[in-house]
Protein backbone atom coordinates (compact mmCIF):
# COMPACT_ATOMS: atom_id res chain seq x y z
CA UNK A 1 -18.87 50.52 -2.81
CA UNK A 2 -19.43 48.48 0.53
CA UNK A 3 -16.49 45.84 1.68
CA UNK A 4 -18.43 42.69 0.40
CA UNK A 5 -18.61 44.09 -3.16
CA UNK A 6 -14.87 45.17 -2.76
CA UNK A 7 -14.00 41.49 -1.78
CA UNK A 8 -15.91 40.05 -4.62
CA UNK A 9 -14.41 42.41 -7.25
CA UNK A 10 -10.89 41.56 -5.81
CA UNK A 11 -11.47 37.72 -6.22
CA UNK A 12 -12.75 38.20 -9.76
CA UNK A 13 -9.66 40.08 -10.57
CA UNK A 14 -7.41 37.14 -9.12
CA UNK A 15 -9.51 34.48 -10.40
CA UNK A 16 -9.70 36.18 -13.93
CA UNK A 17 -5.99 36.36 -14.26
CA UNK A 18 -5.62 32.75 -13.53
CA UNK A 19 -8.98 31.21 -15.05
CA UNK A 20 -10.21 33.56 -17.43
CA UNK A 21 -13.28 32.03 -19.28
CA UNK A 22 -13.23 28.68 -17.44
CA UNK A 23 -15.75 29.04 -14.67
CA UNK A 24 -19.16 27.71 -15.17
CA UNK A 25 -22.26 27.04 -13.11
CA UNK A 26 -25.11 24.52 -13.03
CA UNK A 27 -27.67 25.52 -10.78
CA UNK A 28 -26.14 26.01 -7.15
CA UNK A 29 -23.82 23.08 -7.33
CA UNK A 30 -21.04 23.33 -9.96
CA UNK A 31 -17.59 22.72 -9.85
CA UNK A 32 -15.42 25.53 -11.01
CA UNK A 33 -12.11 25.59 -12.94
CA UNK A 34 -9.24 23.24 -12.67
CA UNK A 35 -5.66 22.71 -11.71
CA UNK A 36 -5.15 26.47 -10.49
CA UNK A 37 -5.25 25.88 -6.76
CA UNK A 38 -7.98 25.40 -3.91
CA UNK A 39 -7.91 29.12 -3.09
CA UNK A 40 -9.05 30.15 -6.46
CA UNK A 41 -11.82 27.60 -6.45
CA UNK A 42 -13.15 28.37 -3.19
CA UNK A 43 -13.16 32.14 -3.99
CA UNK A 44 -15.27 31.49 -7.44
CA UNK A 45 -17.37 28.93 -5.41
CA UNK A 46 -18.21 31.67 -2.83
CA UNK A 47 -19.15 34.18 -5.73
CA UNK A 48 -21.26 31.55 -7.98
CA UNK A 49 -22.74 29.13 -5.32
CA UNK A 50 -22.73 30.64 -1.87
CA UNK A 51 -21.51 28.26 0.97
CA UNK A 52 -22.06 25.18 -1.10
CA UNK A 53 -20.38 26.70 -4.15
CA UNK A 54 -17.28 27.46 -1.83
CA UNK A 55 -16.98 23.75 -0.62
CA UNK A 56 -17.27 22.61 -4.19
CA UNK A 57 -14.80 25.13 -5.76
CA UNK A 58 -12.17 24.30 -3.12
CA UNK A 59 -11.75 21.21 -4.99
CA UNK A 60 -10.85 22.77 -8.47
CA UNK A 61 -12.21 20.76 -11.38
CA UNK A 62 -10.09 19.03 -14.00
CA UNK A 63 -11.38 20.87 -17.22
CA UNK A 64 -8.29 23.27 -17.43
CA UNK A 65 -4.63 22.84 -17.11
CA UNK A 66 -4.49 19.31 -19.16
CA UNK A 67 -2.07 18.47 -21.68
CA UNK A 68 -2.38 16.26 -24.69
CA UNK A 69 -0.24 13.45 -25.79
CA UNK A 70 -0.02 11.85 -22.50
CA UNK A 71 0.59 8.24 -22.58
CA UNK A 72 -2.42 6.52 -21.15
CA UNK A 73 -1.60 3.00 -22.10
CA UNK A 74 -0.29 1.58 -18.62
CA UNK A 75 -2.89 3.38 -16.57
CA UNK A 76 -5.77 2.46 -18.97
CA UNK A 77 -4.57 -1.14 -18.49
CA UNK A 78 -4.37 -0.95 -14.84
CA UNK A 79 -7.74 0.47 -14.21
CA UNK A 80 -9.69 -1.70 -16.80
CA UNK A 81 -7.81 -4.74 -15.12
CA UNK A 82 -8.93 -3.71 -11.69
CA UNK A 83 -12.49 -2.97 -12.85
CA UNK A 84 -12.93 -6.10 -14.77
CA UNK A 85 -16.45 -7.62 -14.42
CA UNK A 86 -17.99 -4.28 -13.09
CA UNK A 87 -19.14 -2.86 -16.47
CA UNK A 88 -16.70 -0.05 -16.07
CA UNK A 89 -15.43 1.53 -19.33
CA UNK A 90 -12.12 3.06 -19.65
CA UNK A 91 -11.56 5.11 -22.73
CA UNK A 92 -9.38 7.93 -24.01
CA UNK A 93 -10.98 11.26 -25.20
CA UNK A 94 -10.21 13.62 -28.14
CA UNK A 95 -9.35 16.23 -25.65
CA UNK A 96 -6.26 14.18 -24.15
CA UNK A 97 -8.13 12.95 -20.94
CA UNK A 98 -8.96 9.51 -19.78
CA UNK A 99 -12.65 8.81 -18.98
CA UNK A 100 -13.42 6.03 -16.38
CA UNK A 101 -17.34 5.56 -16.84
CA UNK A 102 -18.90 3.84 -13.72
CA UNK A 103 -22.41 2.14 -14.26
CA UNK A 104 -24.79 3.07 -11.12
CA UNK A 105 -25.55 -0.73 -10.77
CA UNK A 106 -22.29 -1.18 -8.97
CA UNK A 107 -21.70 2.44 -7.53
CA UNK A 108 -25.00 3.75 -5.81
CA UNK A 109 -28.34 2.11 -4.69
CA UNK A 110 -31.51 4.21 -5.76
CA UNK A 111 -31.76 7.59 -4.27
CA UNK A 112 -28.51 7.04 -2.50
CA UNK A 113 -25.18 8.59 -2.34
CA UNK A 114 -23.48 6.31 -0.33
CA UNK A 115 -20.71 4.27 -2.18
CA UNK A 116 -21.50 0.65 -2.43
CA UNK A 117 -18.70 -2.00 -1.82
CA UNK A 118 -18.83 -3.15 -5.37
CA UNK A 119 -17.35 0.47 -6.37
CA UNK A 120 -14.42 0.16 -4.12
CA UNK A 121 -12.12 -1.83 -6.43
CA UNK A 122 -12.51 0.97 -9.10
CA UNK A 123 -12.06 3.85 -6.68
CA UNK A 124 -8.95 2.06 -5.09
CA UNK A 125 -7.76 1.69 -8.38
CA UNK A 126 -8.14 5.39 -9.51
CA UNK A 127 -6.54 6.32 -6.20
CA UNK A 128 -3.62 4.29 -6.46
CA UNK A 129 -3.17 5.89 -9.84
CA UNK A 130 -3.32 9.38 -8.90
CA UNK A 131 -1.13 8.63 -5.86
CA UNK A 132 1.41 7.16 -7.96
CA UNK A 133 1.03 9.78 -10.75
CA UNK A 134 1.37 13.30 -9.33
CA UNK A 135 0.98 15.05 -12.52
CA UNK A 136 -2.54 13.86 -12.85
CA UNK A 137 -5.82 15.52 -11.42
CA UNK A 138 -9.27 14.13 -11.42
CA UNK A 139 -12.84 15.55 -12.32
CA UNK A 140 -15.71 13.41 -11.06
CA UNK A 141 -19.23 14.00 -12.80
CA UNK A 142 -22.42 12.51 -11.64
CA UNK A 143 -25.31 11.73 -13.88
CA UNK A 144 -28.93 10.57 -13.57
CA UNK A 145 -31.85 9.47 -15.69
CA UNK A 146 -34.74 11.71 -15.99
CA UNK A 147 -36.99 9.67 -13.64
CA UNK A 148 -38.27 12.40 -10.73
CA UNK A 149 -37.91 16.09 -10.56
CA UNK A 150 -34.82 17.56 -12.14
CA UNK A 151 -33.87 19.58 -9.09
CA UNK A 152 -33.67 16.37 -6.97
CA UNK A 153 -31.83 14.64 -9.65
CA UNK A 154 -29.11 17.68 -9.88
CA UNK A 155 -28.58 17.42 -6.23
CA UNK A 156 -28.60 13.56 -5.82
CA UNK A 157 -25.98 13.79 -8.89
CA UNK A 158 -23.68 16.34 -7.13
CA UNK A 159 -23.84 14.47 -4.11
CA UNK A 160 -22.75 11.37 -5.59
CA UNK A 161 -19.72 13.09 -7.28
CA UNK A 162 -18.69 14.69 -3.92
CA UNK A 163 -19.15 11.17 -2.40
CA UNK A 164 -16.49 9.96 -4.90
CA UNK A 165 -13.99 12.96 -4.33
CA UNK A 166 -14.47 12.22 -0.65
CA UNK A 167 -13.28 8.56 -1.09
CA UNK A 168 -10.55 9.51 -2.99
CA UNK A 169 -9.30 12.19 -0.71
CA UNK A 170 -9.63 9.85 2.00
CA UNK A 171 -7.25 7.32 0.25
CA UNK A 172 -4.25 9.90 0.09
CA UNK A 173 -5.14 12.20 -2.74
CA UNK A 174 -4.87 15.68 -2.24
CA UNK A 175 -8.13 17.72 -2.14
CA UNK A 176 -6.84 20.32 -4.78
CA UNK A 177 -6.26 17.43 -7.31
CA UNK A 178 -9.90 16.72 -7.44
CA UNK A 179 -13.34 18.21 -8.47
CA UNK A 180 -16.96 17.08 -8.19
CA UNK A 181 -19.85 18.14 -10.47
CA UNK A 182 -23.27 16.89 -10.77
CA UNK A 183 -25.04 17.10 -14.21
CA UNK A 184 -28.50 15.66 -13.05
CA UNK A 185 -30.58 14.43 -16.03
CA UNK A 186 -29.07 17.07 -18.37
CA UNK A 187 -26.54 14.82 -20.22
CA UNK A 188 -28.13 11.44 -21.37
CA UNK A 189 -26.16 8.90 -23.50
CA UNK A 190 -29.22 6.97 -24.02
CA UNK A 191 -33.13 6.69 -24.64
CA UNK A 192 -34.55 7.54 -21.19
CA UNK A 193 -37.94 6.23 -22.51
CA UNK A 194 -36.50 2.66 -22.03
CA UNK A 195 -35.45 0.95 -18.83
CA UNK A 196 -32.02 0.09 -20.61
CA UNK A 197 -31.44 3.57 -21.61
CA UNK A 198 -32.08 4.65 -18.13
CA UNK A 199 -29.71 2.50 -16.85
CA UNK A 200 -26.93 3.71 -19.16
CA UNK A 201 -27.67 7.32 -18.13
CA UNK A 202 -27.36 6.60 -14.24
CA UNK A 203 -23.49 6.86 -14.21
CA UNK A 204 -20.38 8.39 -12.67
CA UNK A 205 -17.54 9.66 -14.89
CA UNK A 206 -14.23 10.21 -13.71
CA UNK A 207 -12.06 12.09 -15.87
CA UNK A 208 -8.22 11.85 -15.39
CA UNK A 209 -6.09 14.65 -16.96
CA UNK A 210 -2.31 15.26 -16.97
CA UNK A 211 -0.78 18.66 -16.09
CA UNK A 212 2.59 17.42 -17.13
CA UNK A 213 4.18 14.72 -18.61
CA UNK A 214 5.38 11.82 -16.10
CA UNK A 215 8.31 12.97 -13.87
CA UNK A 216 8.04 16.77 -14.55
CA UNK A 217 6.03 17.61 -11.49
CA UNK A 218 8.19 18.57 -8.59
């Protein structure tokens, strides 16, 4: 048994103890796990996605470790107020998370993953929220419509999600509290046969989850 294989087995053993059943892959660009530390995420990323996977895995995702019963009222009101007029929707989810759904019209130009200035107020509000509430983690998910090649859309959605996490990290949010995942055209919420439907499908979603009640994070 060579050293490389032994290393992979060791990483699996550690990761399995921490995030058993919580890793998934979409192509070569999937965020892995959540709330369990950057080292574990990077190890899983190295196994599942090579170099790209390792970079993504280091920002562990926000699908694990959340609690239910968190009071989102004030945070929901703040982000909704800061995002007024942008078309952004802020809704509580059945799994206990808070979803911030941002339309592509304010976030990115066509075929670009450079953040538009009109996206800044929403991202600033999210970064302020995360800074003020250390018990929260965030998972960013990028989506496209079905125009173009699926592989291109997958990469574009991943790059857009990573642009958002990089923005948040650049505004004081610790990288281990963030994850980026691209879903490409695989999760439409509207009819891709119409322009209105495609516009709805081109979006970025930020999921905020609480790992503890306020004041419990040391």
